[in-house]
N, C-alpha and C. Protein backbone atom coordinates (compact mmCIF):
# COMPACT_ATOMS: atom_id res chain seq x y z
N MET A 1 58.57 46.64 -48.81
CA MET A 1 58.04 47.96 -48.48
C MET A 1 57.66 48.73 -49.74
N ILE A 2 58.50 48.68 -50.75
CA ILE A 2 58.20 49.37 -52.01
C ILE A 2 56.98 48.76 -52.67
N GLY A 3 56.88 47.43 -52.62
CA GLY A 3 55.71 46.76 -53.18
C GLY A 3 54.43 47.16 -52.47
N PHE A 4 54.52 47.36 -51.16
CA PHE A 4 53.36 47.79 -50.38
C PHE A 4 52.93 49.19 -50.80
N LEU A 5 53.89 50.07 -51.04
CA LEU A 5 53.56 51.43 -51.48
C LEU A 5 52.98 51.44 -52.89
N VAL A 6 53.54 50.61 -53.77
CA VAL A 6 53.01 50.52 -55.14
C VAL A 6 51.59 49.97 -55.12
N ALA A 7 51.36 48.95 -54.31
CA ALA A 7 50.00 48.40 -54.20
C ALA A 7 49.04 49.44 -53.65
N GLY A 8 49.49 50.23 -52.67
CA GLY A 8 48.65 51.29 -52.12
C GLY A 8 48.32 52.34 -53.16
N LEU A 9 49.30 52.68 -54.00
CA LEU A 9 49.06 53.67 -55.05
C LEU A 9 48.07 53.12 -56.09
N VAL A 10 48.21 51.86 -56.45
CA VAL A 10 47.28 51.24 -57.41
C VAL A 10 45.88 51.18 -56.82
N ILE A 11 45.77 50.79 -55.57
CA ILE A 11 44.46 50.71 -54.92
C ILE A 11 43.84 52.10 -54.80
N GLY A 12 44.63 53.09 -54.43
CA GLY A 12 44.12 54.46 -54.35
C GLY A 12 43.67 54.99 -55.70
N ALA A 13 44.44 54.68 -56.76
CA ALA A 13 44.08 55.12 -58.11
C ALA A 13 42.79 54.45 -58.57
N LEU A 14 42.65 53.15 -58.31
CA LEU A 14 41.41 52.46 -58.68
C LEU A 14 40.22 53.03 -57.91
N ALA A 15 40.42 53.33 -56.65
CA ALA A 15 39.34 53.90 -55.85
C ALA A 15 38.92 55.26 -56.40
N ARG A 16 39.90 56.07 -56.82
CA ARG A 16 39.57 57.38 -57.39
C ARG A 16 38.83 57.24 -58.71
N LEU A 17 39.13 56.19 -59.48
CA LEU A 17 38.40 55.95 -60.72
C LEU A 17 36.95 55.54 -60.46
N ILE A 18 36.73 54.84 -59.36
CA ILE A 18 35.39 54.36 -59.03
C ILE A 18 34.52 55.49 -58.49
N VAL A 19 35.09 56.38 -57.70
CA VAL A 19 34.33 57.47 -57.09
C VAL A 19 33.93 58.46 -58.19
N PRO A 20 32.63 58.75 -58.32
CA PRO A 20 32.21 59.68 -59.37
C PRO A 20 32.61 61.12 -59.07
N GLY A 21 32.78 61.89 -60.11
CA GLY A 21 33.11 63.30 -59.96
C GLY A 21 34.60 63.53 -59.82
N LYS A 22 34.95 64.79 -59.69
CA LYS A 22 36.35 65.16 -59.56
C LYS A 22 36.72 65.22 -58.09
N GLN A 23 37.83 64.55 -57.75
CA GLN A 23 38.32 64.60 -56.39
C GLN A 23 39.47 65.61 -56.31
N HIS A 24 39.52 66.32 -55.22
CA HIS A 24 40.57 67.31 -55.02
C HIS A 24 41.65 66.73 -54.11
N LEU A 25 42.23 65.62 -54.57
CA LEU A 25 43.27 64.94 -53.81
C LEU A 25 44.53 64.85 -54.66
N GLY A 26 45.66 65.06 -54.04
CA GLY A 26 46.92 64.94 -54.74
C GLY A 26 47.42 63.50 -54.76
N ILE A 27 48.59 63.31 -55.34
CA ILE A 27 49.15 61.97 -55.47
C ILE A 27 49.49 61.39 -54.09
N PHE A 28 49.96 62.22 -53.17
CA PHE A 28 50.32 61.71 -51.85
C PHE A 28 49.08 61.34 -51.04
N ALA A 29 48.00 62.10 -51.20
CA ALA A 29 46.75 61.75 -50.53
C ALA A 29 46.18 60.46 -51.11
N THR A 30 46.29 60.30 -52.43
CA THR A 30 45.84 59.07 -53.07
C THR A 30 46.66 57.88 -52.55
N LEU A 31 47.97 58.06 -52.45
CA LEU A 31 48.84 57.01 -51.93
C LEU A 31 48.49 56.67 -50.49
N ALA A 32 48.31 57.69 -49.66
CA ALA A 32 48.01 57.46 -48.24
C ALA A 32 46.67 56.75 -48.07
N LEU A 33 45.65 57.20 -48.80
CA LEU A 33 44.34 56.55 -48.69
C LEU A 33 44.38 55.13 -49.24
N GLY A 34 45.18 54.90 -50.28
CA GLY A 34 45.33 53.55 -50.81
C GLY A 34 46.04 52.63 -49.84
N VAL A 35 47.07 53.13 -49.16
CA VAL A 35 47.79 52.31 -48.19
C VAL A 35 46.90 51.99 -46.99
N VAL A 36 46.19 52.99 -46.50
CA VAL A 36 45.27 52.76 -45.37
C VAL A 36 44.15 51.81 -45.78
N GLY A 37 43.64 51.99 -46.99
CA GLY A 37 42.61 51.08 -47.50
C GLY A 37 43.12 49.66 -47.63
N SER A 38 44.37 49.51 -48.07
CA SER A 38 44.93 48.16 -48.20
C SER A 38 45.14 47.52 -46.83
N LEU A 39 45.51 48.31 -45.84
CA LEU A 39 45.63 47.77 -44.49
C LEU A 39 44.27 47.31 -43.95
N ILE A 40 43.26 48.14 -44.16
CA ILE A 40 41.91 47.78 -43.70
C ILE A 40 41.41 46.53 -44.43
N GLY A 41 41.58 46.52 -45.75
CA GLY A 41 41.14 45.36 -46.54
C GLY A 41 41.89 44.09 -46.16
N GLY A 42 43.20 44.22 -45.90
CA GLY A 42 43.98 43.06 -45.49
C GLY A 42 43.57 42.54 -44.13
N LEU A 43 43.27 43.45 -43.22
CA LEU A 43 42.82 43.03 -41.89
C LEU A 43 41.48 42.31 -41.95
N ILE A 44 40.57 42.83 -42.77
CA ILE A 44 39.25 42.18 -42.90
C ILE A 44 39.40 40.82 -43.57
N ALA A 45 40.25 40.74 -44.60
CA ALA A 45 40.48 39.45 -45.27
C ALA A 45 41.13 38.46 -44.32
N GLN A 46 42.04 38.93 -43.48
CA GLN A 46 42.67 38.05 -42.50
C GLN A 46 41.64 37.57 -41.48
N PHE A 47 40.70 38.44 -41.12
CA PHE A 47 39.64 38.05 -40.20
C PHE A 47 38.80 36.91 -40.78
N PHE A 48 38.56 36.94 -42.11
CA PHE A 48 37.81 35.88 -42.76
C PHE A 48 38.65 34.63 -43.01
N GLY A 49 39.94 34.70 -42.71
CA GLY A 49 40.80 33.53 -42.82
C GLY A 49 41.31 33.24 -44.22
N THR A 50 41.40 34.24 -45.08
CA THR A 50 41.88 34.01 -46.44
C THR A 50 43.38 34.18 -46.57
N GLY A 51 44.07 34.53 -45.51
CA GLY A 51 45.51 34.68 -45.56
C GLY A 51 45.98 35.77 -44.62
N SER A 52 47.24 36.09 -44.76
CA SER A 52 47.86 37.11 -43.91
C SER A 52 47.60 38.50 -44.50
N ILE A 53 47.74 39.51 -43.66
CA ILE A 53 47.57 40.89 -44.12
C ILE A 53 48.66 41.26 -45.12
N TRP A 54 49.80 40.61 -45.07
CA TRP A 54 50.95 40.98 -45.90
C TRP A 54 50.98 40.25 -47.23
N GLU A 55 50.06 39.35 -47.49
CA GLU A 55 50.06 38.66 -48.79
C GLU A 55 48.91 39.15 -49.65
N LEU A 56 49.13 39.14 -50.93
CA LEU A 56 48.13 39.64 -51.88
C LEU A 56 47.17 38.52 -52.23
N ASN A 57 45.89 38.75 -52.00
CA ASN A 57 44.85 37.82 -52.42
C ASN A 57 43.67 38.61 -52.97
N VAL A 58 42.79 37.92 -53.64
CA VAL A 58 41.70 38.59 -54.35
C VAL A 58 40.74 39.28 -53.37
N LEU A 59 40.35 38.58 -52.33
CA LEU A 59 39.40 39.16 -51.38
C LEU A 59 40.01 40.38 -50.69
N GLY A 60 41.26 40.29 -50.29
CA GLY A 60 41.93 41.42 -49.66
C GLY A 60 42.03 42.61 -50.59
N PHE A 61 42.30 42.36 -51.89
CA PHE A 61 42.41 43.44 -52.86
C PHE A 61 41.06 44.13 -53.07
N VAL A 62 40.02 43.35 -53.21
CA VAL A 62 38.68 43.91 -53.41
C VAL A 62 38.25 44.71 -52.18
N LEU A 63 38.47 44.15 -51.02
CA LEU A 63 38.12 44.86 -49.79
C LEU A 63 38.96 46.12 -49.60
N ALA A 64 40.22 46.08 -50.04
CA ALA A 64 41.08 47.26 -49.96
C ALA A 64 40.57 48.37 -50.85
N VAL A 65 40.12 48.03 -52.05
CA VAL A 65 39.57 49.04 -52.96
C VAL A 65 38.28 49.63 -52.38
N VAL A 66 37.44 48.78 -51.83
CA VAL A 66 36.19 49.26 -51.23
C VAL A 66 36.49 50.18 -50.04
N ALA A 67 37.44 49.80 -49.21
CA ALA A 67 37.81 50.64 -48.07
C ALA A 67 38.39 51.97 -48.55
N ALA A 68 39.21 51.94 -49.60
CA ALA A 68 39.79 53.18 -50.13
C ALA A 68 38.71 54.08 -50.72
N VAL A 69 37.70 53.50 -51.37
CA VAL A 69 36.59 54.30 -51.91
C VAL A 69 35.86 55.00 -50.76
N LEU A 70 35.62 54.27 -49.69
CA LEU A 70 34.95 54.87 -48.53
C LEU A 70 35.82 55.96 -47.90
N LEU A 71 37.12 55.73 -47.83
CA LEU A 71 38.03 56.73 -47.27
C LEU A 71 38.10 57.98 -48.14
N ILE A 72 38.06 57.81 -49.45
CA ILE A 72 38.05 58.97 -50.35
C ILE A 72 36.78 59.77 -50.15
N GLY A 73 35.65 59.08 -49.97
CA GLY A 73 34.40 59.78 -49.70
C GLY A 73 34.47 60.57 -48.41
N VAL A 74 35.06 60.00 -47.38
CA VAL A 74 35.21 60.70 -46.11
C VAL A 74 36.16 61.89 -46.27
N ALA A 75 37.28 61.68 -46.95
CA ALA A 75 38.25 62.76 -47.15
C ALA A 75 37.64 63.90 -47.96
N GLU A 76 36.90 63.58 -48.99
CA GLU A 76 36.23 64.61 -49.80
C GLU A 76 35.17 65.34 -48.99
N GLY A 77 34.47 64.62 -48.12
CA GLY A 77 33.48 65.26 -47.28
C GLY A 77 34.11 66.24 -46.30
N ILE A 78 35.25 65.87 -45.77
CA ILE A 78 35.94 66.75 -44.82
C ILE A 78 36.55 67.94 -45.54
N THR A 79 37.28 67.71 -46.62
CA THR A 79 37.93 68.81 -47.33
C THR A 79 36.92 69.65 -48.10
N GLY A 80 35.85 69.04 -48.58
CA GLY A 80 34.82 69.79 -49.29
C GLY A 80 34.11 70.75 -48.38
N ARG A 81 33.88 70.33 -47.16
CA ARG A 81 33.23 71.19 -46.18
C ARG A 81 34.13 72.38 -45.85
N ASN A 82 35.43 72.14 -45.73
CA ASN A 82 36.37 73.23 -45.46
C ASN A 82 36.47 74.18 -46.64
N ASN A 83 36.46 73.67 -47.86
CA ASN A 83 36.55 74.53 -49.05
C ASN A 83 35.31 75.40 -49.19
N ARG A 84 34.13 74.88 -48.87
CA ARG A 84 32.92 75.67 -48.97
C ARG A 84 32.91 76.80 -47.95
N ALA A 85 33.45 76.57 -46.78
CA ALA A 85 33.49 77.60 -45.75
C ALA A 85 34.43 78.74 -46.15
N VAL A 86 35.49 78.41 -46.84
CA VAL A 86 36.47 79.44 -47.26
C VAL A 86 35.89 80.27 -48.38
N ARG A 87 35.11 79.68 -49.26
CA ARG A 87 34.56 80.37 -50.43
C ARG A 87 33.51 81.40 -50.06
N ARG A 88 32.86 81.23 -48.96
CA ARG A 88 31.76 82.14 -48.58
C ARG A 88 32.25 83.46 -48.17
C-alpha cells in the first residue's frame, strides 16, 4: 500500500513537470491525481496484456503518467474556471 502511494506521488510529480505553466494543486491533489492516473494506466496496460494492474511495468508507468497529465489538465480546467469566477 505504501509503495502504491509512493508510486502515485512520483507519477503525479512527473505529470506536473510535464504540464506547462504553474499548477495550483497541493501535494495531496498531486498524490490523488497520481494514484488515479496509475490506476488508469495499470488498467489500460492490463487490457493490452502486459501484466497485472498491481505490478510495475514500463507500459503501465508511461500510460499512468499520460493519464495523470490529462487528469491535471482537467483539474486545472475545473479549478481555473472557479478561480476566474471568484476574481470578477
